C-alpha atoms as a PDB file:
ATOM      1  CA  MET A   1     121.113 105.852  40.544  1.00  0.00           C
ATOM      2  CA  THR A   2     118.587 103.169  40.203  1.00  0.00           C
ATOM      3  CA  LEU A   3     118.669  99.615  41.529  1.00  0.00           C
ATOM      4  CA  ASP A   4     117.236  96.523  40.056  1.00  0.00           C
ATOM      5  CA  GLU A   5     116.497  93.198  41.342  1.00  0.00           C
ATOM      6  CA  ASN A   6     120.004  91.990  40.774  1.00  0.00           C
ATOM      7  CA  ASP A   7     121.375  94.896  43.038  1.00  0.00           C
ATOM      8  CA  TYR A   8     118.995  93.772  45.807  1.00  0.00           C
ATOM      9  CA  LEU A   9     119.833  89.855  45.217  1.00  0.00           C
ATOM     10  CA  THR A  10     123.604  90.797  45.509  1.00  0.00           C
ATOM     11  CA  TYR A  11     122.976  92.555  48.771  1.00  0.00           C
ATOM     12  CA  GLN A  12     120.784  89.615  50.198  1.00  0.00           C
ATOM     13  CA  LEU A  13     123.446  86.950  49.123  1.00  0.00           C
ATOM     14  CA  TYR A  14     126.253  88.983  50.625  1.00  0.00           C
ATOM     15  CA  THR A  15     124.462  89.264  53.774  1.00  0.00           C
ATOM     16  CA  ALA A  16     123.394  85.672  53.925  1.00  0.00           C
ATOM     17  CA  SER A  17     127.106  84.825  53.294  1.00  0.00           C
ATOM     18  CA  LYS A  18     128.080  86.850  56.365  1.00  0.00           C
ATOM     19  CA  THR A  19     125.478  85.559  58.638  1.00  0.00           C
ATOM     20  CA  PRO A  20     126.605  82.790  60.936  1.00  0.00           C
ATOM     21  CA  ARG A  21     123.246  81.177  61.413  1.00  0.00           C
ATOM     22  CA  ILE A  22     122.667  80.900  57.602  1.00  0.00           C
ATOM     23  CA  ARG A  23     126.239  79.535  57.079  1.00  0.00           C
ATOM     24  CA  LYS A  24     125.793  76.962  59.933  1.00  0.00           C
ATOM     25  CA  ALA A  25     122.333  75.897  58.390  1.00  0.00           C
ATOM     26  CA  ARG A  26     123.863  75.186  55.001  1.00  0.00           C
ATOM     27  CA  ILE A  27     126.690  73.228  56.404  1.00  0.00           C
ATOM     28  CA  ARG A  28     124.370  71.294  58.700  1.00  0.00           C
ATOM     29  CA  SER A  29     122.007  70.483  55.772  1.00  0.00           C
ATOM     30  CA  TRP A  30     125.080  69.327  53.750  1.00  0.00           C
ATOM     31  CA  ILE A  31     126.464  67.086  56.495  1.00  0.00           C
ATOM     32  CA  LEU A  32     123.237  65.539  57.601  1.00  0.00           C
ATOM     33  CA  THR A  33     122.168  64.600  53.977  1.00  0.00           C
ATOM     34  CA  THR A  34     125.423  63.085  53.341  1.00  0.00           C
ATOM     35  CA  VAL A  35     125.400  61.046  56.654  1.00  0.00           C
ATOM     36  CA  ALA A  36     121.942  59.922  56.066  1.00  0.00           C
ATOM     37  CA  PHE A  37     122.708  58.548  52.843  1.00  0.00           C
ATOM     38  CA  LEU A  38     125.841  56.874  54.272  1.00  0.00           C
ATOM     39  CA  CYS A  39     123.721  55.277  57.158  1.00  0.00           C
ATOM     40  CA  LEU A  40     121.420  53.978  54.573  1.00  0.00           C
ATOM     41  CA  THR A  41     124.234  52.591  52.389  1.00  0.00           C
ATOM     42  CA  TYR A  42     125.542  50.794  55.520  1.00  0.00           C
ATOM     43  CA  LEU A  43     122.171  49.161  56.366  1.00  0.00           C
ATOM     44  CA  PHE A  44     121.521  48.056  52.956  1.00  0.00           C
ATOM     45  CA  PHE A  45     124.926  46.342  52.666  1.00  0.00           C
ATOM     46  CA  GLU A  46     124.566  44.999  56.122  1.00  0.00           C
ATOM     47  CA  ASN A  47     121.305  43.390  54.984  1.00  0.00           C
ATOM     48  CA  SER A  48     122.848  41.957  51.703  1.00  0.00           C
ATOM     49  CA  ASN A  49     120.840  44.255  49.485  1.00  0.00           C
ATOM     50  CA  ASP A  50     123.665  45.496  47.389  1.00  0.00           C
ATOM     51  CA  LEU A  51     121.674  47.011  44.693  1.00  0.00           C
ATOM     52  CA  LEU A  52     120.225  49.565  47.360  1.00  0.00           C
ATOM     53  CA  GLY A  53     123.515  49.689  49.115  1.00  0.00           C
ATOM     54  CA  TYR A  54     125.270  50.909  45.767  1.00  0.00           C
ATOM     55  CA  TYR A  55     122.315  53.288  45.069  1.00  0.00           C
ATOM     56  CA  PHE A  56     122.784  54.999  48.382  1.00  0.00           C
ATOM     57  CA  LEU A  57     126.418  55.003  48.175  1.00  0.00           C
ATOM     58  CA  VAL A  58     126.232  56.968  44.804  1.00  0.00           C
ATOM     59  CA  ALA A  59     123.737  59.196  46.348  1.00  0.00           C
ATOM     60  CA  SER A  60     126.240  59.818  49.305  1.00  0.00           C
ATOM     61  CA  VAL A  61     129.038  60.811  46.988  1.00  0.00           C
ATOM     62  CA  LEU A  62     126.587  62.978  44.830  1.00  0.00           C
ATOM     63  CA  SER A  63     125.456  64.517  48.092  1.00  0.00           C
ATOM     64  CA  LEU A  64     128.972  65.212  49.330  1.00  0.00           C
ATOM     65  CA  THR A  65     129.906  66.811  46.000  1.00  0.00           C
ATOM     66  CA  LEU A  66     126.819  68.570  44.670  1.00  0.00           C
ATOM     67  CA  ASN A  67     125.260  69.700  47.930  1.00  0.00           C
ATOM     68  CA  PRO A  68     127.030  72.990  48.081  1.00  0.00           C
ATOM     69  CA  ILE A  69     126.021  73.732  44.416  1.00  0.00           C
ATOM     70  CA  TYR A  70     122.452  72.971  45.058  1.00  0.00           C
ATOM     71  CA  SER A  71     122.435  74.917  48.212  1.00  0.00           C
ATOM     72  CA  ARG A  72     123.864  77.868  46.507  1.00  0.00           C
ATOM     73  CA  TRP A  73     121.087  77.555  43.878  1.00  0.00           C
ATOM     74  CA  ARG A  74     118.272  77.068  46.375  1.00  0.00           C
ATOM     75  CA  TYR A  75     119.314  80.069  48.557  1.00  0.00           C
ATOM     76  CA  LYS A  76     119.597  82.232  45.428  1.00  0.00           C
ATOM     77  CA  ARG A  77     116.173  81.304  44.109  1.00  0.00           C
ATOM     78  CA  HIS A  78     114.687  81.841  47.519  1.00  0.00           C
ATOM     79  CA  TYR A  79     116.052  85.498  47.900  1.00  0.00           C
ATOM     80  CA  LEU A  80     115.065  86.180  44.275  1.00  0.00           C
ATOM     81  CA  LYS A  81     111.471  85.307  44.988  1.00  0.00           C
ATOM     82  CA  TYR A  82     111.656  87.204  48.149  1.00  0.00           C
ATOM     83  CA  ILE A  83     112.992  90.296  46.380  1.00  0.00           C
ATOM     84  CA  GLN A  84     110.504  90.143  43.487  1.00  0.00           C
ATOM     85  CA  ASP A  85     107.599  90.018  45.919  1.00  0.00           C
ATOM     86  CA  THR A  86     108.829  92.747  48.371  1.00  0.00           C
ATOM     87  CA  PHE A  87     110.828  95.278  46.273  1.00  0.00           C
ATOM     88  CA  LYS A  88     109.215  95.023  42.753  1.00  0.00           C
ATOM     89  CA  LYS A  89     107.926  98.557  43.119  1.00  0.00           C
ATOM     90  CA  LYS A  90     111.353  99.807  43.769  1.00  0.00           C
ATOM     91  CA  PHE A  91     113.110  98.500  40.677  1.00  0.00           C
ATOM     92  CA  GLY A  92     114.129 101.258  38.253  1.00  0.00           C
ATOM     93  CA  GLU A  93     113.232 104.229  40.541  1.00  0.00           C
ATOM     94  CA  GLU A  94     115.683 106.936  40.262  1.00  0.00           C
ATOM     95  CA  THR A  95     117.333 107.864  43.544  1.00  0.00           C
ATOM     96  CA  THR A  96     119.856 110.706  44.262  1.00  0.00           C
ATOM     97  CA  LEU A  97     122.566 110.424  47.055  1.00  0.00           C
ATOM     98  CA  GLU A  98     124.277 113.019  48.827  1.00  0.00           C
ATOM     99  CA  ILE A  99     127.090 112.120  51.309  1.00  0.00           C
ATOM    100  CA  THR A 100     128.324 114.688  53.848  1.00  0.00           C
ATOM    101  CA  GLU A 101     130.292 114.576  56.975  1.00  0.00           C
ATOM    102  CA  ASP A 102     127.021 114.659  59.202  1.00  0.00           C
ATOM    103  CA  TYR A 103     124.740 112.434  57.131  1.00  0.00           C
ATOM    104  CA  ILE A 104     123.869 110.444  53.964  1.00  0.00           C
ATOM    105  CA  ALA A 105     120.766 111.846  52.393  1.00  0.00           C
ATOM    106  CA  THR A 106     118.862 109.789  49.632  1.00  0.00           C
ATOM    107  CA  ARG A 107     115.812 111.348  47.647  1.00  0.00           C
ATOM    108  CA  ASP A 108     113.387 109.635  45.353  1.00  0.00           C
ATOM    109  CA  LYS A 109     109.728 109.994  44.408  1.00  0.00           C
ATOM    110  CA  THR A 110     108.392 108.947  47.656  1.00  0.00           C
ATOM    111  CA  GLY A 111     110.466 111.497  49.719  1.00  0.00           C
ATOM    112  CA  GLU A 112     113.884 112.118  51.479  1.00  0.00           C
ATOM    113  CA  ALA A 113     115.699 110.053  53.929  1.00  0.00           C
ATOM    114  CA  LYS A 114     118.739 111.154  56.039  1.00  0.00           C
ATOM    115  CA  ILE A 115     120.972 108.902  57.935  1.00  0.00           C
ATOM    116  CA  ASN A 116     123.035 110.286  60.562  1.00  0.00           C
ATOM    117  CA  THR A 117     126.700 109.149  59.981  1.00  0.00           C
ATOM    118  CA  THR A 118     126.927 108.618  63.826  1.00  0.00           C
ATOM    119  CA  GLN A 119     124.635 105.622  63.073  1.00  0.00           C
ATOM    120  CA  ILE A 120     126.667 103.849  60.631  1.00  0.00           C
ATOM    121  CA  GLU A 121     128.265 100.717  61.890  1.00  0.00           C
ATOM    122  CA  ALA A 122     130.129  99.507  59.026  1.00  0.00           C
ATOM    123  CA  ILE A 123     130.634 100.040  55.286  1.00  0.00           C
ATOM    124  CA  ASN A 124     131.042  96.762  53.438  1.00  0.00           C
ATOM    125  CA  GLU A 125     132.636  97.191  49.981  1.00  0.00           C
ATOM    126  CA  ILE A 126     132.569  94.628  47.242  1.00  0.00           C
ATOM    127  CA  LYS A 127     133.501  94.785  43.571  1.00  0.00           C
ATOM    128  CA  ASP A 128     130.270  96.734  42.516  1.00  0.00           C
ATOM    129  CA  PHE A 129     128.746  97.913  45.601  1.00  0.00           C
ATOM    130  CA  TYR A 130     129.013  99.628  49.033  1.00  0.00           C
ATOM    131  CA  PHE A 131     126.526  98.393  51.659  1.00  0.00           C
ATOM    132  CA  VAL A 132     126.267 100.922  54.258  1.00  0.00           C
ATOM    133  CA  GLN A 133     125.356  99.099  57.591  1.00  0.00           C
ATOM    134  CA  MET A 134     123.353 100.955  60.220  1.00  0.00           C
ATOM    135  CA  ARG A 135     123.350 100.115  63.986  1.00  0.00           C
ATOM    136  CA  THR A 136     119.595  99.326  63.711  1.00  0.00           C
ATOM    137  CA  GLY A 137     120.362  96.426  61.140  1.00  0.00           C
ATOM    138  CA  GLU A 138     119.177  98.297  58.124  1.00  0.00           C
ATOM    139  CA  SER A 139     121.469  98.756  55.155  1.00  0.00           C
ATOM    140  CA  LEU A 140     121.925 101.235  52.228  1.00  0.00           C
ATOM    141  CA  ILE A 141     122.924  99.747  49.009  1.00  0.00           C
ATOM    142  CA  ILE A 142     124.996 102.036  46.847  1.00  0.00           C
ATOM    143  CA  SER A 143     126.050 100.859  43.270  1.00  0.00           C
ATOM    144  CA  LYS A 144     129.297 101.803  42.157  1.00  0.00           C
ATOM    145  CA  VAL A 145     128.753 101.196  38.633  1.00  0.00           C
ATOM    146  CA  LYS A 146     125.281 102.946  38.404  1.00  0.00           C
ATOM    147  CA  THR A 147     126.504 106.212  39.807  1.00  0.00           C
ATOM    148  CA  ASP A 148     127.310 109.183  37.509  1.00  0.00           C
ATOM    149  CA  ASP A 149     130.656 109.750  39.067  1.00  0.00           C
ATOM    150  CA  PRO A 150     132.257 106.568  40.555  1.00  0.00           C
ATOM    151  CA  ASP A 151     135.560 108.443  41.443  1.00  0.00           C
ATOM    152  CA  SER A 152     133.699 111.169  43.411  1.00  0.00           C
ATOM    153  CA  LEU A 153     131.699 108.560  45.183  1.00  0.00           C
ATOM    154  CA  LYS A 154     134.835 106.636  46.124  1.00  0.00           C
ATOM    155  CA  ARG A 155     136.314 109.768  47.531  1.00  0.00           C
ATOM    156  CA  GLU A 156     133.267 110.694  49.492  1.00  0.00           C
ATOM    157  CA  ILE A 157     132.976 107.056  51.157  1.00  0.00           C
ATOM    158  CA  THR A 158     136.730 107.052  51.964  1.00  0.00           C
ATOM    159  CA  SER A 159     136.429 110.613  53.457  1.00  0.00           C
ATOM    160  CA  LEU A 160     133.622 109.549  55.478  1.00  0.00           C
ATOM    161  CA  ILE A 161     135.285 106.271  56.693  1.00  0.00           C
ATOM    162  CA  GLU A 162     138.353 108.382  57.798  1.00  0.00           C
ATOM    163  CA  LYS A 163     136.598 111.250  59.405  1.00  0.00           C
ATOM    164  CA  LYS A 164     134.080 109.085  61.312  1.00  0.00           C
ATOM    165  CA  VAL A 165     136.459 106.221  61.954  1.00  0.00           C
ATOM    166  CA  ILE A 166     133.775 103.611  60.394  1.00  0.00           C
ATOM    167  CA  LYS A 167     134.636 100.104  60.185  1.00  0.00           C
ATOM    168  CA  HIS A 168     135.384  99.366  56.505  1.00  0.00           C
ATOM    169  CA  ASN A 169     135.288  95.806  55.249  1.00  0.00           C
ATOM    170  CA  VAL A 170     136.790  95.408  51.698  1.00  0.00           C
ATOM    171  CA  GLU A 171     135.941  92.342  49.749  1.00  0.00           C
ATOM    172  CA  LEU A 172     136.416  93.093  46.142  1.00  0.00           C
ATOM    173  CA  ASP A 173     136.870  89.471  45.067  1.00  0.00           C
ATOM    174  CA  TRP A 174     133.543  88.292  47.040  1.00  0.00           C
ATOM    175  CA  ARG A 175     131.132  86.140  45.153  1.00  0.00           C
ATOM    176  CA  TRP A 176     128.133  83.906  46.396  1.00  0.00           C
ATOM    177  CA  LYS A 177     129.450  80.374  47.246  1.00  0.00           C
END
């Protein structure tokens, strides 16, 4: 299995969409921008400057309707640049994955890593990925579509979840909003 920048981007965006601090920051930015434009609209209409009043009224409506789209684009661009800078040497590297009852092992050209299954906090499942979240805050990205045997992977993950009673969040219709 290999991961590319889109795989890392999907993980970063999924994590951002589930982080309360980031969700609040996006909403706060949306509200503050719209309210600032509305305040300017009010001030200019109060001072009989209709041209600027209408200008900021239009800006308020545009902010109210388009800010979520802009915010989505801005965060996606930010994370893409971060991924390109941080993980560029990992793109396309072949990794093997072994899932047992006691550990999950990954092997690549740099070495081998074993994760004790007792340290898994949750397994988040979206359409094309499993994100194995550890208690330390780190995560393992497992692509469903880039694996050689997706059915076997699903059985191994399901078995692990059932035997170790791991929290399993399924959001097959998740998308970045």
